[in-house]
PDB file of all heavy atoms in Angstrom:
ATOM      1  N   TYR A   1      -1.562 -14.902   0.216  1.00  0.00           N
ATOM      2  CA  TYR A   1      -1.243 -13.615  -0.404  1.00  0.00           C
ATOM      3  C   TYR A   1      -2.431 -13.078  -1.193  1.00  0.00           C
ATOM      4  O   TYR A   1      -3.164 -13.818  -1.845  1.00  0.00           O
ATOM      5  CB  TYR A   1      -0.023 -13.784  -1.324  1.00  0.00           C
ATOM      6  CG  TYR A   1       1.206 -14.156  -0.540  1.00  0.00           C
ATOM      7  CD1 TYR A   1       1.514 -15.484  -0.296  1.00  0.00           C
ATOM      8  CD2 TYR A   1       2.038 -13.180  -0.010  1.00  0.00           C
ATOM      9  CE1 TYR A   1       2.623 -15.838   0.448  1.00  0.00           C
ATOM     10  CE2 TYR A   1       3.148 -13.517   0.740  1.00  0.00           C
ATOM     11  CZ  TYR A   1       3.443 -14.850   0.962  1.00  0.00           C
ATOM     12  OH  TYR A   1       4.538 -15.178   1.702  1.00  0.00           O
ATOM     13  N   THR A   2      -2.600 -11.753  -1.098  1.00  0.00           N
ATOM     14  CA  THR A   2      -3.667 -11.068  -1.803  1.00  0.00           C
ATOM     15  C   THR A   2      -3.077  -9.857  -2.521  1.00  0.00           C
ATOM     16  O   THR A   2      -2.037  -9.317  -2.112  1.00  0.00           O
ATOM     17  CB  THR A   2      -4.755 -10.593  -0.818  1.00  0.00           C
ATOM     18  OG1 THR A   2      -4.144  -9.751   0.165  1.00  0.00           O
ATOM     19  CG2 THR A   2      -5.414 -11.775  -0.121  1.00  0.00           C
ATOM     20  N   PRO A   3      -3.734  -9.387  -3.605  1.00  0.00           N
ATOM     21  CA  PRO A   3      -3.219  -8.204  -4.316  1.00  0.00           C
ATOM     22  C   PRO A   3      -3.238  -6.977  -3.419  1.00  0.00           C
ATOM     23  O   PRO A   3      -4.117  -6.814  -2.562  1.00  0.00           O
ATOM     24  CB  PRO A   3      -4.186  -8.059  -5.497  1.00  0.00           C
ATOM     25  CG  PRO A   3      -4.834  -9.395  -5.643  1.00  0.00           C
ATOM     26  CD  PRO A   3      -4.900  -9.977  -4.276  1.00  0.00           C
ATOM     27  N   VAL A   4      -2.248  -6.081  -3.622  1.00  0.00           N
ATOM     28  CA  VAL A   4      -2.208  -4.825  -2.880  1.00  0.00           C
ATOM     29  C   VAL A   4      -3.444  -4.002  -3.188  1.00  0.00           C
ATOM     30  O   VAL A   4      -4.077  -3.430  -2.297  1.00  0.00           O
ATOM     31  CB  VAL A   4      -0.917  -4.064  -3.215  1.00  0.00           C
ATOM     32  CG1 VAL A   4      -0.928  -2.685  -2.555  1.00  0.00           C
ATOM     33  CG2 VAL A   4       0.300  -4.864  -2.766  1.00  0.00           C
ATOM     34  N   THR A   5      -3.805  -3.911  -4.459  1.00  0.00           N
ATOM     35  CA  THR A   5      -5.047  -3.268  -4.896  1.00  0.00           C
ATOM     36  C   THR A   5      -5.710  -4.222  -5.875  1.00  0.00           C
ATOM     37  O   THR A   5      -5.074  -5.137  -6.399  1.00  0.00           O
ATOM     38  CB  THR A   5      -4.771  -1.919  -5.585  1.00  0.00           C
ATOM     39  OG1 THR A   5      -3.967  -2.153  -6.751  1.00  0.00           O
ATOM     40  CG2 THR A   5      -4.022  -0.972  -4.646  1.00  0.00           C
ATOM     41  N   PRO A   6      -6.994  -4.059  -6.144  1.00  0.00           N
ATOM     42  CA  PRO A   6      -7.679  -5.019  -7.014  1.00  0.00           C
ATOM     43  C   PRO A   6      -7.013  -5.233  -8.361  1.00  0.00           C
ATOM     44  O   PRO A   6      -7.046  -6.337  -8.891  1.00  0.00           O
ATOM     45  CB  PRO A   6      -9.083  -4.406  -7.159  1.00  0.00           C
ATOM     46  CG  PRO A   6      -9.270  -3.606  -5.913  1.00  0.00           C
ATOM     47  CD  PRO A   6      -7.920  -3.060  -5.578  1.00  0.00           C
ATOM     48  N   ASP A   7      -6.391  -4.184  -8.959  1.00  0.00           N
ATOM     49  CA  ASP A   7      -5.796  -4.319 -10.289  1.00  0.00           C
ATOM     50  C   ASP A   7      -4.276  -4.416 -10.237  1.00  0.00           C
ATOM     51  O   ASP A   7      -3.621  -4.366 -11.284  1.00  0.00           O
ATOM     52  CB  ASP A   7      -6.208  -3.132 -11.172  1.00  0.00           C
ATOM     53  CG  ASP A   7      -7.714  -3.054 -11.362  1.00  0.00           C
ATOM     54  OD1 ASP A   7      -8.339  -4.143 -11.413  1.00  0.00           O
ATOM     55  OD2 ASP A   7      -8.246  -1.938 -11.457  1.00  0.00           O
ATOM     56  N   SER A   8      -3.708  -4.533  -9.045  1.00  0.00           N
ATOM     57  CA  SER A   8      -2.249  -4.504  -8.939  1.00  0.00           C
ATOM     58  C   SER A   8      -1.658  -5.888  -9.149  1.00  0.00           C
ATOM     59  O   SER A   8      -2.218  -6.893  -8.680  1.00  0.00           O
ATOM     60  CB  SER A   8      -1.841  -3.974  -7.555  1.00  0.00           C
ATOM     61  OG  SER A   8      -0.441  -4.095  -7.378  1.00  0.00           O
ATOM     62  N   PRO A   9      -0.501  -5.970  -9.877  1.00  0.00           N
ATOM     63  CA  PRO A   9       0.180  -7.259 -10.009  1.00  0.00           C
ATOM     64  C   PRO A   9       0.973  -7.603  -8.751  1.00  0.00           C
ATOM     65  O   PRO A   9       1.497  -8.706  -8.638  1.00  0.00           O
ATOM     66  CB  PRO A   9       1.109  -7.034 -11.199  1.00  0.00           C
ATOM     67  CG  PRO A   9       1.417  -5.576 -11.161  1.00  0.00           C
ATOM     68  CD  PRO A   9       0.166  -4.908 -10.659  1.00  0.00           C
ATOM     69  N   LEU A  10       1.083  -6.645  -7.811  1.00  0.00           N
ATOM     70  CA  LEU A  10       1.841  -6.887  -6.593  1.00  0.00           C
ATOM     71  C   LEU A  10       0.942  -7.534  -5.543  1.00  0.00           C
ATOM     72  O   LEU A  10      -0.264  -7.276  -5.498  1.00  0.00           O
ATOM     73  CB  LEU A  10       2.408  -5.576  -6.046  1.00  0.00           C
ATOM     74  CG  LEU A  10       3.339  -4.803  -6.996  1.00  0.00           C
ATOM     75  CD1 LEU A  10       3.783  -3.519  -6.337  1.00  0.00           C
ATOM     76  CD2 LEU A  10       4.539  -5.652  -7.393  1.00  0.00           C
ATOM     77  N   VAL A  11       1.540  -8.390  -4.714  1.00  0.00           N
ATOM     78  CA  VAL A  11       0.781  -9.065  -3.675  1.00  0.00           C
ATOM     79  C   VAL A  11       1.434  -8.814  -2.337  1.00  0.00           C
ATOM     80  O   VAL A  11       2.609  -8.425  -2.259  1.00  0.00           O
ATOM     81  CB  VAL A  11       0.706 -10.589  -3.932  1.00  0.00           C
ATOM     82  CG1 VAL A  11      -0.068 -10.890  -5.195  1.00  0.00           C
ATOM     83  CG2 VAL A  11       2.095 -11.212  -3.988  1.00  0.00           C
ATOM     84  N   GLU A  12       0.664  -9.010  -1.305  1.00  0.00           N
ATOM     85  CA  GLU A  12       1.186  -8.891   0.047  1.00  0.00           C
ATOM     86  C   GLU A  12       0.599 -10.017   0.890  1.00  0.00           C
ATOM     87  O   GLU A  12      -0.468 -10.551   0.579  1.00  0.00           O
ATOM     88  CB  GLU A  12       0.811  -7.543   0.654  1.00  0.00           C
ATOM     89  CG  GLU A  12      -0.698  -7.357   0.817  1.00  0.00           C
ATOM     90  CD  GLU A  12      -1.054  -6.022   1.448  1.00  0.00           C
ATOM     91  OE1 GLU A  12      -0.135  -5.305   1.832  1.00  0.00           O
ATOM     92  OE2 GLU A  12      -2.264  -5.718   1.544  1.00  0.00           O
ATOM     93  N   ALA A  13       1.314 -10.386   1.950  1.00  0.00           N
ATOM     94  CA  ALA A  13       0.857 -11.457   2.833  1.00  0.00           C
ATOM     95  C   ALA A  13      -0.279 -10.960   3.706  1.00  0.00           C
ATOM     96  O   ALA A  13      -0.201  -9.882   4.285  1.00  0.00           O
ATOM     97  CB  ALA A  13       2.011 -11.950   3.706  1.00  0.00           C
ATOM     98  N   LYS A  14      -1.333 -11.727   3.784  1.00  0.00           N
ATOM     99  CA  LYS A  14      -2.448 -11.389   4.650  1.00  0.00           C
ATOM    100  C   LYS A  14      -2.079 -11.760   6.082  1.00  0.00           C
ATOM    101  O   LYS A  14      -1.601 -12.863   6.337  1.00  0.00           O
ATOM    102  CB  LYS A  14      -3.700 -12.150   4.231  1.00  0.00           C
ATOM    103  CG  LYS A  14      -4.933 -11.786   5.053  1.00  0.00           C
ATOM    104  CD  LYS A  14      -6.145 -12.529   4.550  1.00  0.00           C
ATOM    105  CE  LYS A  14      -7.372 -12.179   5.373  1.00  0.00           C
ATOM    106  NZ  LYS A  14      -8.579 -12.879   4.907  1.00  0.00           N
ATOM    107  N   PRO A  15      -2.262 -10.846   7.035  1.00  0.00           N
ATOM    108  CA  PRO A  15      -1.860 -11.167   8.417  1.00  0.00           C
ATOM    109  C   PRO A  15      -2.698 -12.294   8.990  1.00  0.00           C
ATOM    110  O   PRO A  15      -3.839 -12.507   8.582  1.00  0.00           O
ATOM    111  CB  PRO A  15      -2.100  -9.851   9.165  1.00  0.00           C
ATOM    112  CG  PRO A  15      -3.140  -9.140   8.354  1.00  0.00           C
ATOM    113  CD  PRO A  15      -2.860  -9.503   6.915  1.00  0.00           C
ATOM    114  N   LEU A  16      -2.102 -13.004   9.915  1.00  0.00           N
ATOM    115  CA  LEU A  16      -2.809 -14.082  10.588  1.00  0.00           C
ATOM    116  C   LEU A  16      -3.891 -13.505  11.482  1.00  0.00           C
ATOM    117  O   LEU A  16      -3.811 -12.365  11.922  1.00  0.00           O
ATOM    118  CB  LEU A  16      -1.827 -14.912  11.431  1.00  0.00           C
ATOM    119  CG  LEU A  16      -0.761 -15.665  10.635  1.00  0.00           C
ATOM    120  CD1 LEU A  16       0.203 -16.331  11.602  1.00  0.00           C
ATOM    121  CD2 LEU A  16      -1.379 -16.690   9.720  1.00  0.00           C
ATOM    122  N   PRO A  17      -4.925 -14.317  11.803  1.00  0.00           N
ATOM    123  CA  PRO A  17      -5.991 -13.822  12.693  1.00  0.00           C
ATOM    124  C   PRO A  17      -5.417 -13.385  14.022  1.00  0.00           C
ATOM    125  O   PRO A  17      -4.615 -14.076  14.639  1.00  0.00           O
ATOM    126  CB  PRO A  17      -6.900 -15.061  12.853  1.00  0.00           C
ATOM    127  CG  PRO A  17      -6.632 -15.894  11.650  1.00  0.00           C
ATOM    128  CD  PRO A  17      -5.193 -15.662  11.306  1.00  0.00           C
ATOM    129  N   GLY A  18      -5.848 -12.160  14.460  1.00  0.00           N
ATOM    130  CA  GLY A  18      -5.378 -11.635  15.736  1.00  0.00           C
ATOM    131  C   GLY A  18      -4.109 -10.831  15.654  1.00  0.00           C
ATOM    132  O   GLY A  18      -3.690 -10.217  16.629  1.00  0.00           O
ATOM    133  N   ALA A  19      -3.448 -10.823  14.481  1.00  0.00           N
ATOM    134  CA  ALA A  19      -2.198 -10.077  14.358  1.00  0.00           C
ATOM    135  C   ALA A  19      -2.488  -8.595  14.146  1.00  0.00           C
ATOM    136  O   ALA A  19      -3.501  -8.215  13.559  1.00  0.00           O
ATOM    137  CB  ALA A  19      -1.368 -10.626  13.203  1.00  0.00           C
ATOM    138  N   VAL A  20      -1.594  -7.729  14.641  1.00  0.00           N
ATOM    139  CA  VAL A  20      -1.740  -6.282  14.470  1.00  0.00           C
ATOM    140  C   VAL A  20      -1.269  -5.908  13.077  1.00  0.00           C
ATOM    141  O   VAL A  20      -0.163  -6.282  12.676  1.00  0.00           O
ATOM    142  CB  VAL A  20      -0.913  -5.533  15.535  1.00  0.00           C
ATOM    143  CG1 VAL A  20      -1.025  -4.034  15.321  1.00  0.00           C
ATOM    144  CG2 VAL A  20      -1.393  -5.913  16.931  1.00  0.00           C
ATOM    145  N   PRO A  21      -2.095  -5.217  12.272  1.00  0.00           N
ATOM    146  CA  PRO A  21      -1.677  -4.876  10.910  1.00  0.00           C
ATOM    147  C   PRO A  21      -0.477  -3.941  10.911  1.00  0.00           C
ATOM    148  O   PRO A  21      -0.327  -3.080  11.772  1.00  0.00           O
ATOM    149  CB  PRO A  21      -2.920  -4.199  10.315  1.00  0.00           C
ATOM    150  CG  PRO A  21      -3.693  -3.702  11.504  1.00  0.00           C
ATOM    151  CD  PRO A  21      -3.444  -4.681  12.601  1.00  0.00           C
ATOM    152  N   THR A  22       0.402  -4.135   9.935  1.00  0.00           N
ATOM    153  CA  THR A  22       1.595  -3.294   9.797  1.00  0.00           C
ATOM    154  C   THR A  22       1.234  -1.996   9.085  1.00  0.00           C
ATOM    155  O   THR A  22       0.573  -2.026   8.045  1.00  0.00           O
ATOM    156  CB  THR A  22       2.664  -4.035   8.978  1.00  0.00           C
ATOM    157  OG1 THR A  22       2.931  -5.261   9.649  1.00  0.00           O
ATOM    158  CG2 THR A  22       3.934  -3.206   8.863  1.00  0.00           C
ATOM    159  N   PRO A  23       1.635  -0.837   9.641  1.00  0.00           N
ATOM    160  CA  PRO A  23       1.320   0.436   8.956  1.00  0.00           C
ATOM    161  C   PRO A  23       1.925   0.457   7.561  1.00  0.00           C
ATOM    162  O   PRO A  23       3.034  -0.026   7.333  1.00  0.00           O
ATOM    163  CB  PRO A  23       1.963   1.493   9.856  1.00  0.00           C
ATOM    164  CG  PRO A  23       2.122   0.826  11.183  1.00  0.00           C
ATOM    165  CD  PRO A  23       2.352  -0.609  10.896  1.00  0.00           C
ATOM    166  N   ARG A  24       1.182   1.018   6.603  1.00  0.00           N
ATOM    167  CA  ARG A  24       1.640   1.068   5.227  1.00  0.00           C
ATOM    168  C   ARG A  24       1.575   2.507   4.727  1.00  0.00           C
ATOM    169  O   ARG A  24       0.581   3.203   4.933  1.00  0.00           O
ATOM    170  CB  ARG A  24       0.756   0.171   4.360  1.00  0.00           C
ATOM    171  CG  ARG A  24       1.234   0.075   2.914  1.00  0.00           C
ATOM    172  CD  ARG A  24       0.343  -0.872   2.124  1.00  0.00           C
ATOM    173  NE  ARG A  24      -1.002  -0.325   1.975  1.00  0.00           N
ATOM    174  CZ  ARG A  24      -2.089  -1.067   1.829  1.00  0.00           C
ATOM    175  NH1 ARG A  24      -1.994  -2.365   1.858  1.00  0.00           N
ATOM    176  NH2 ARG A  24      -3.273  -0.498   1.686  1.00  0.00           N
ATOM    177  N   ARG A  25       2.653   2.951   4.115  1.00  0.00           N
ATOM    178  CA  ARG A  25       2.667   4.300   3.549  1.00  0.00           C
ATOM    179  C   ARG A  25       1.852   4.343   2.266  1.00  0.00           C
ATOM    180  O   ARG A  25       1.872   3.415   1.478  1.00  0.00           O
ATOM    181  CB  ARG A  25       4.103   4.730   3.240  1.00  0.00           C
ATOM    182  CG  ARG A  25       4.962   4.957   4.483  1.00  0.00           C
ATOM    183  CD  ARG A  25       6.364   5.346   4.072  1.00  0.00           C
ATOM    184  NE  ARG A  25       7.204   5.605   5.217  1.00  0.00           N
ATOM    185  CZ  ARG A  25       7.299   6.770   5.827  1.00  0.00           C
ATOM    186  NH1 ARG A  25       6.595   7.803   5.373  1.00  0.00           N
ATOM    187  NH2 ARG A  25       8.088   6.948   6.864  1.00  0.00           N
ATOM    188  N   GLU A  26       1.187   5.468   2.084  1.00  0.00           N
ATOM    189  CA  GLU A  26       0.481   5.685   0.823  1.00  0.00           C
ATOM    190  C   GLU A  26       1.497   6.041  -0.250  1.00  0.00           C
ATOM    191  O   GLU A  26       2.558   6.621   0.034  1.00  0.00           O
ATOM    192  CB  GLU A  26      -0.538   6.816   0.964  1.00  0.00           C
ATOM    193  CG  GLU A  26      -1.676   6.478   1.924  1.00  0.00           C
ATOM    194  CD  GLU A  26      -2.681   7.600   1.969  1.00  0.00           C
ATOM    195  OE1 GLU A  26      -2.476   8.584   1.219  1.00  0.00           O
ATOM    196  OE2 GLU A  26      -3.663   7.500   2.721  1.00  0.00           O
ATOM    197  N   PRO A  27       1.219   5.766  -1.527  1.00  0.00           N
ATOM    198  CA  PRO A  27       2.150   6.133  -2.599  1.00  0.00           C
ATOM    199  C   PRO A  27       2.245   7.651  -2.709  1.00  0.00           C
ATOM    200  O   PRO A  27       1.309   8.385  -2.349  1.00  0.00           O
ATOM    201  CB  PRO A  27       1.511   5.511  -3.847  1.00  0.00           C
ATOM    202  CG  PRO A  27       0.071   5.348  -3.505  1.00  0.00           C
ATOM    203  CD  PRO A  27       0.022   5.071  -2.040  1.00  0.00           C
ATOM    204  N   PRO A  28       3.401   8.175  -3.163  1.00  0.00           N
ATOM    205  CA  PRO A  28       3.561   9.640  -3.282  1.00  0.00           C
ATOM    206  C   PRO A  28       2.566  10.236  -4.265  1.00  0.00           C
ATOM    207  O   PRO A  28       2.183   9.594  -5.240  1.00  0.00           O
ATOM    208  CB  PRO A  28       4.997   9.780  -3.760  1.00  0.00           C
ATOM    209  CG  PRO A  28       5.331   8.473  -4.380  1.00  0.00           C
ATOM    210  CD  PRO A  28       4.574   7.446  -3.633  1.00  0.00           C
ATOM    211  N   ARG A  29       2.127  11.471  -3.993  1.00  0.00           N
ATOM    212  CA  ARG A  29       1.162  12.154  -4.853  1.00  0.00           C
ATOM    213  C   ARG A  29       1.899  13.165  -5.728  1.00  0.00           C
ATOM    214  O   ARG A  29       2.828  13.843  -5.283  1.00  0.00           O
ATOM    215  CB  ARG A  29       0.119  12.885  -3.989  1.00  0.00           C
ATOM    216  CG  ARG A  29      -0.748  11.927  -3.167  1.00  0.00           C
ATOM    217  CD  ARG A  29      -1.719  12.695  -2.306  1.00  0.00           C
ATOM    218  NE  ARG A  29      -1.016  13.621  -1.412  1.00  0.00           N
ATOM    219  CZ  ARG A  29      -1.621  14.337  -0.477  1.00  0.00           C
ATOM    220  NH1 ARG A  29      -2.935  14.249  -0.321  1.00  0.00           N
ATOM    221  NH2 ARG A  29      -0.939  15.154   0.304  1.00  0.00           N
ATOM    222  N   VAL A  30       1.440  13.248  -6.937  1.00  0.00           N
ATOM    223  CA  VAL A  30       2.020  14.217  -7.887  1.00  0.00           C
ATOM    224  C   VAL A  30       1.150  15.472  -7.887  1.00  0.00           C
ATOM    225  O   VAL A  30      -0.048  15.400  -8.146  1.00  0.00           O
ATOM    226  CB  VAL A  30       2.113  13.632  -9.303  1.00  0.00           C
ATOM    227  CG1 VAL A  30       2.675  14.650 -10.268  1.00  0.00           C
ATOM    228  CG2 VAL A  30       2.953  12.371  -9.287  1.00  0.00           C
ATOM    229  N   ALA A  31       1.734  16.635  -7.558  1.00  0.00           N
ATOM    230  CA  ALA A  31       0.980  17.902  -7.527  1.00  0.00           C
ATOM    231  C   ALA A  31       1.855  19.018  -8.075  1.00  0.00           C
ATOM    232  O   ALA A  31       2.923  19.294  -7.538  1.00  0.00           O
ATOM    233  CB  ALA A  31       0.535  18.236  -6.120  1.00  0.00           C
ATOM    234  N   GLN A  32       1.369  19.719  -9.150  1.00  0.00           N
ATOM    235  CA  GLN A  32       2.021  20.874  -9.749  1.00  0.00           C
ATOM    236  C   GLN A  32       3.497  20.587 -10.056  1.00  0.00           C
ATOM    237  O   GLN A  32       4.404  21.278  -9.605  1.00  0.00           O
ATOM    238  CB  GLN A  32       1.904  22.095  -8.823  1.00  0.00           C
ATOM    239  CG  GLN A  32       0.470  22.532  -8.589  1.00  0.00           C
ATOM    240  CD  GLN A  32       0.400  23.714  -7.655  1.00  0.00           C
ATOM    241  OE1 GLN A  32       1.406  24.179  -7.118  1.00  0.00           O
ATOM    242  NE2 GLN A  32      -0.804  24.233  -7.493  1.00  0.00           N
ATOM    243  N   ASN A  33       3.657  19.496 -10.873  1.00  0.00           N
ATOM    244  CA  ASN A  33       4.979  19.147 -11.393  1.00  0.00           C
ATOM    245  C   ASN A  33       6.008  18.845 -10.308  1.00  0.00           C
ATOM    246  O   ASN A  33       7.212  18.907 -10.540  1.00  0.00           O
ATOM    247  CB  ASN A  33       5.541  20.269 -12.295  1.00  0.00           C
ATOM    248  CG  ASN A  33       4.646  20.494 -13.499  1.00  0.00           C
ATOM    249  OD1 ASN A  33       4.050  19.537 -13.987  1.00  0.00           O
ATOM    250  ND2 ASN A  33       4.563  21.729 -13.948  1.00  0.00           N
ATOM    251  N   LYS A  34       5.565  18.575  -9.110  1.00  0.00           N
ATOM    252  CA  LYS A  34       6.538  18.150  -8.110  1.00  0.00           C
ATOM    253  C   LYS A  34       5.894  17.062  -7.244  1.00  0.00           C
ATOM    254  O   LYS A  34       4.680  16.980  -7.119  1.00  0.00           O
ATOM    255  CB  LYS A  34       6.969  19.318  -7.234  1.00  0.00           C
ATOM    256  CG  LYS A  34       5.872  19.916  -6.366  1.00  0.00           C
ATOM    257  CD  LYS A  34       6.428  21.023  -5.503  1.00  0.00           C
ATOM    258  CE  LYS A  34       5.342  21.620  -4.604  1.00  0.00           C
ATOM    259  NZ  LYS A  34       5.879  22.664  -3.730  1.00  0.00           N
ATOM    260  N   ILE A  35       6.744  16.281  -6.710  1.00  0.00           N
ATOM    261  CA  ILE A  35       6.286  15.151  -5.922  1.00  0.00           C
ATOM    262  C   ILE A  35       6.276  15.542  -4.463  1.00  0.00           C
ATOM    263  O   ILE A  35       7.278  16.008  -3.929  1.00  0.00           O
ATOM    264  CB  ILE A  35       7.195  13.934  -6.135  1.00  0.00           C
ATOM    265  CG1 ILE A  35       7.153  13.525  -7.604  1.00  0.00           C
ATOM    266  CG2 ILE A  35       6.789  12.790  -5.231  1.00  0.00           C
ATOM    267  CD1 ILE A  35       8.049  12.380  -7.922  1.00  0.00           C
ATOM    268  N   GLU A  36       5.130  15.380  -3.870  1.00  0.00           N
ATOM    269  CA  GLU A  36       5.005  15.657  -2.453  1.00  0.00           C
ATOM    270  C   GLU A  36       4.927  14.342  -1.688  1.00  0.00           C
ATOM    271  O   GLU A  36       4.224  13.434  -2.103  1.00  0.00           O
ATOM    272  CB  GLU A  36       3.729  16.472  -2.185  1.00  0.00           C
ATOM    273  CG  GLU A  36       3.719  17.827  -2.845  1.00  0.00           C
ATOM    274  CD  GLU A  36       2.438  18.579  -2.560  1.00  0.00           C
ATOM    275  OE1 GLU A  36       1.577  17.996  -1.845  1.00  0.00           O
ATOM    276  OE2 GLU A  36       2.281  19.699  -3.035  1.00  0.00           O
ATOM    277  N   PRO A  37       5.650  14.276  -0.639  1.00  0.00           N
ATOM    278  CA  PRO A  37       5.552  13.041   0.153  1.00  0.00           C
ATOM    279  C   PRO A  37       4.172  12.909   0.768  1.00  0.00           C
ATOM    280  O   PRO A  37       3.543  13.895   1.130  1.00  0.00           O
ATOM    281  CB  PRO A  37       6.632  13.222   1.214  1.00  0.00           C
ATOM    282  CG  PRO A  37       6.791  14.708   1.348  1.00  0.00           C
ATOM    283  CD  PRO A  37       6.553  15.269  -0.029  1.00  0.00           C
ATOM    284  N   ALA A  38       3.732  11.705   0.803  1.00  0.00           N
ATOM    285  CA  ALA A  38       2.407  11.452   1.387  1.00  0.00           C
ATOM    286  C   ALA A  38       2.478  11.552   2.898  1.00  0.00           C
ATOM    287  O   ALA A  38       3.500  11.263   3.503  1.00  0.00           O
ATOM    288  CB  ALA A  38       1.929  10.045   0.996  1.00  0.00           C
TER     289      ALA A  38
END
C-alpha cells in the first residue's frame, strides 16, 4: 500500500506487475460557490 497523495493519510493498494490500472475519479472541484463534478 502507498499513499493516495504524498501528504494524504489515505492509502491504496499498488497494482501487481502487469495489471491494468483501475480508473480513478478526480475529487470534485469547487467553483463559484457550487460544486462541479469532475
